[in-house]
């Protein structure tokens, strides 16, 4: 999240805090809860797309990480 720290690393009155610190805390908590290292999300690459008519495991209620076909921002949000 270097760009988050670069652009949002100051107190924001509208946010009532430091957005970069809050996003970093949420990411750290999500990684800890899922027993992931700091390098795991960076090393992750999406799997092949699902065949037509099939739902990804996450959509069917199965808990898998990371979700197949997940974009980088969706991966960060999945950790939160």
C-alpha atoms as a PDB file:
ATOM      1  CA  UNK A   1       0.000   0.000   0.000  1.00  0.00           C
ATOM      2  CA  UNK A   2       2.815   2.454  -0.695  1.00  0.00           C
ATOM      3  CA  UNK A   3       0.604   4.771  -2.733  1.00  0.00           C
ATOM      4  CA  UNK A   4      -1.947   4.939   0.117  1.00  0.00           C
ATOM      5  CA  UNK A   5       0.780   6.049   2.512  1.00  0.00           C
ATOM      6  CA  UNK A   6       2.141   8.467  -0.087  1.00  0.00           C
ATOM      7  CA  UNK A   7      -1.162  10.243  -0.713  1.00  0.00           C
ATOM      8  CA  UNK A   8      -3.151   9.773   2.512  1.00  0.00           C
ATOM      9  CA  UNK A   9      -0.581   9.767   5.313  1.00  0.00           C
ATOM     10  CA  UNK A  10      -1.780  12.924   7.087  1.00  0.00           C
ATOM     11  CA  UNK A  11      -4.623  13.711   9.465  1.00  0.00           C
ATOM     12  CA  UNK A  12      -7.835  14.329   7.527  1.00  0.00           C
ATOM     13  CA  UNK A  13     -10.543  16.308   9.332  1.00  0.00           C
ATOM     14  CA  UNK A  14     -13.297  14.858   7.146  1.00  0.00           C
ATOM     15  CA  UNK A  15     -11.980  11.345   7.853  1.00  0.00           C
ATOM     16  CA  UNK A  16     -11.339  12.278  11.496  1.00  0.00           C
ATOM     17  CA  UNK A  17      -8.050  10.434  11.420  1.00  0.00           C
ATOM     18  CA  UNK A  18      -5.229   9.271   9.210  1.00  0.00           C
ATOM     19  CA  UNK A  19      -6.672   7.197   6.345  1.00  0.00           C
ATOM     20  CA  UNK A  20      -3.364   5.456   5.571  1.00  0.00           C
ATOM     21  CA  UNK A  21      -3.001   4.248   9.167  1.00  0.00           C
ATOM     22  CA  UNK A  22      -6.587   2.988   9.265  1.00  0.00           C
ATOM     23  CA  UNK A  23      -6.281   1.110   5.965  1.00  0.00           C
ATOM     24  CA  UNK A  24      -2.956  -0.383   7.073  1.00  0.00           C
ATOM     25  CA  UNK A  25      -4.519  -1.495  10.371  1.00  0.00           C
ATOM     26  CA  UNK A  26      -7.440  -3.128   8.541  1.00  0.00           C
ATOM     27  CA  UNK A  27      -5.068  -4.903   6.154  1.00  0.00           C
ATOM     28  CA  UNK A  28      -2.856  -6.114   9.019  1.00  0.00           C
ATOM     29  CA  UNK A  29      -5.869  -7.395  10.951  1.00  0.00           C
ATOM     30  CA  UNK A  30      -7.224  -9.219   7.885  1.00  0.00           C
ATOM     31  CA  UNK A  31      -3.850 -10.853   7.236  1.00  0.00           C
ATOM     32  CA  UNK A  32      -3.513 -11.887  10.879  1.00  0.00           C
ATOM     33  CA  UNK A  33      -7.021 -13.405  10.976  1.00  0.00           C
ATOM     34  CA  UNK A  34      -6.232 -15.445   7.858  1.00  0.00           C
ATOM     35  CA  UNK A  35      -2.698 -16.423   8.956  1.00  0.00           C
ATOM     36  CA  UNK A  36      -1.119 -14.699   5.952  1.00  0.00           C
ATOM     37  CA  UNK A  37       2.337 -13.196   5.843  1.00  0.00           C
ATOM     38  CA  UNK A  38       2.989  -9.724   4.494  1.00  0.00           C
ATOM     39  CA  UNK A  39       4.320 -11.276   1.287  1.00  0.00           C
ATOM     40  CA  UNK A  40       1.347 -13.629   0.692  1.00  0.00           C
ATOM     41  CA  UNK A  41      -1.008 -11.009  -0.807  1.00  0.00           C
ATOM     42  CA  UNK A  42       1.847  -9.615  -2.925  1.00  0.00           C
ATOM     43  CA  UNK A  43       2.730 -13.043  -4.310  1.00  0.00           C
ATOM     44  CA  UNK A  44      -0.875 -14.014  -5.068  1.00  0.00           C
ATOM     45  CA  UNK A  45      -1.896 -14.294  -8.729  1.00  0.00           C
ATOM     46  CA  UNK A  46      -5.444 -14.942  -9.945  1.00  0.00           C
ATOM     47  CA  UNK A  47      -6.360 -18.435 -11.031  1.00  0.00           C
ATOM     48  CA  UNK A  48      -8.004 -19.248 -14.320  1.00  0.00           C
ATOM     49  CA  UNK A  49     -11.517 -17.862 -14.771  1.00  0.00           C
ATOM     50  CA  UNK A  50     -14.470 -20.111 -13.997  1.00  0.00           C
ATOM     51  CA  UNK A  51     -16.002 -21.949 -16.945  1.00  0.00           C
ATOM     52  CA  UNK A  52     -19.198 -20.401 -18.285  1.00  0.00           C
ATOM     53  CA  UNK A  53     -22.142 -21.052 -15.998  1.00  0.00           C
ATOM     54  CA  UNK A  54     -20.055 -21.914 -12.934  1.00  0.00           C
ATOM     55  CA  UNK A  55     -19.883 -19.820  -9.786  1.00  0.00           C
ATOM     56  CA  UNK A  56     -16.591 -19.150  -7.975  1.00  0.00           C
ATOM     57  CA  UNK A  57     -16.254 -21.052  -4.666  1.00  0.00           C
ATOM     58  CA  UNK A  58     -16.661 -17.819  -2.674  1.00  0.00           C
ATOM     59  CA  UNK A  59     -20.010 -17.103  -4.350  1.00  0.00           C
ATOM     60  CA  UNK A  60     -21.268 -20.555  -3.420  1.00  0.00           C
ATOM     61  CA  UNK A  61     -20.483 -20.032   0.258  1.00  0.00           C
ATOM     62  CA  UNK A  62     -17.247 -21.998   0.374  1.00  0.00           C
ATOM     63  CA  UNK A  63     -14.475 -20.093   2.093  1.00  0.00           C
ATOM     64  CA  UNK A  64     -11.382 -20.073  -0.046  1.00  0.00           C
ATOM     65  CA  UNK A  65      -8.572 -17.579  -0.102  1.00  0.00           C
ATOM     66  CA  UNK A  66      -7.768 -15.910  -2.242  1.00  0.00           C
ATOM     67  CA  UNK A  67     -10.884 -15.936  -4.414  1.00  0.00           C
ATOM     68  CA  UNK A  68     -10.276 -17.004  -8.004  1.00  0.00           C
ATOM     69  CA  UNK A  69     -10.419 -14.166 -10.520  1.00  0.00           C
ATOM     70  CA  UNK A  70     -10.051 -11.545  -7.784  1.00  0.00           C
ATOM     71  CA  UNK A  71      -8.647  -8.142  -8.742  1.00  0.00           C
ATOM     72  CA  UNK A  72      -5.958  -6.566  -6.509  1.00  0.00           C
ATOM     73  CA  UNK A  73      -8.378  -4.036  -4.981  1.00  0.00           C
ATOM     74  CA  UNK A  74     -10.945  -6.773  -4.374  1.00  0.00           C
ATOM     75  CA  UNK A  75      -8.208  -8.791  -2.688  1.00  0.00           C
ATOM     76  CA  UNK A  76      -7.496  -5.899  -0.305  1.00  0.00           C
ATOM     77  CA  UNK A  77     -11.206  -5.444   0.387  1.00  0.00           C
ATOM     78  CA  UNK A  78     -11.594  -9.196   0.973  1.00  0.00           C
ATOM     79  CA  UNK A  79      -9.044  -8.881   3.751  1.00  0.00           C
ATOM     80  CA  UNK A  80     -11.068  -6.198   5.506  1.00  0.00           C
END
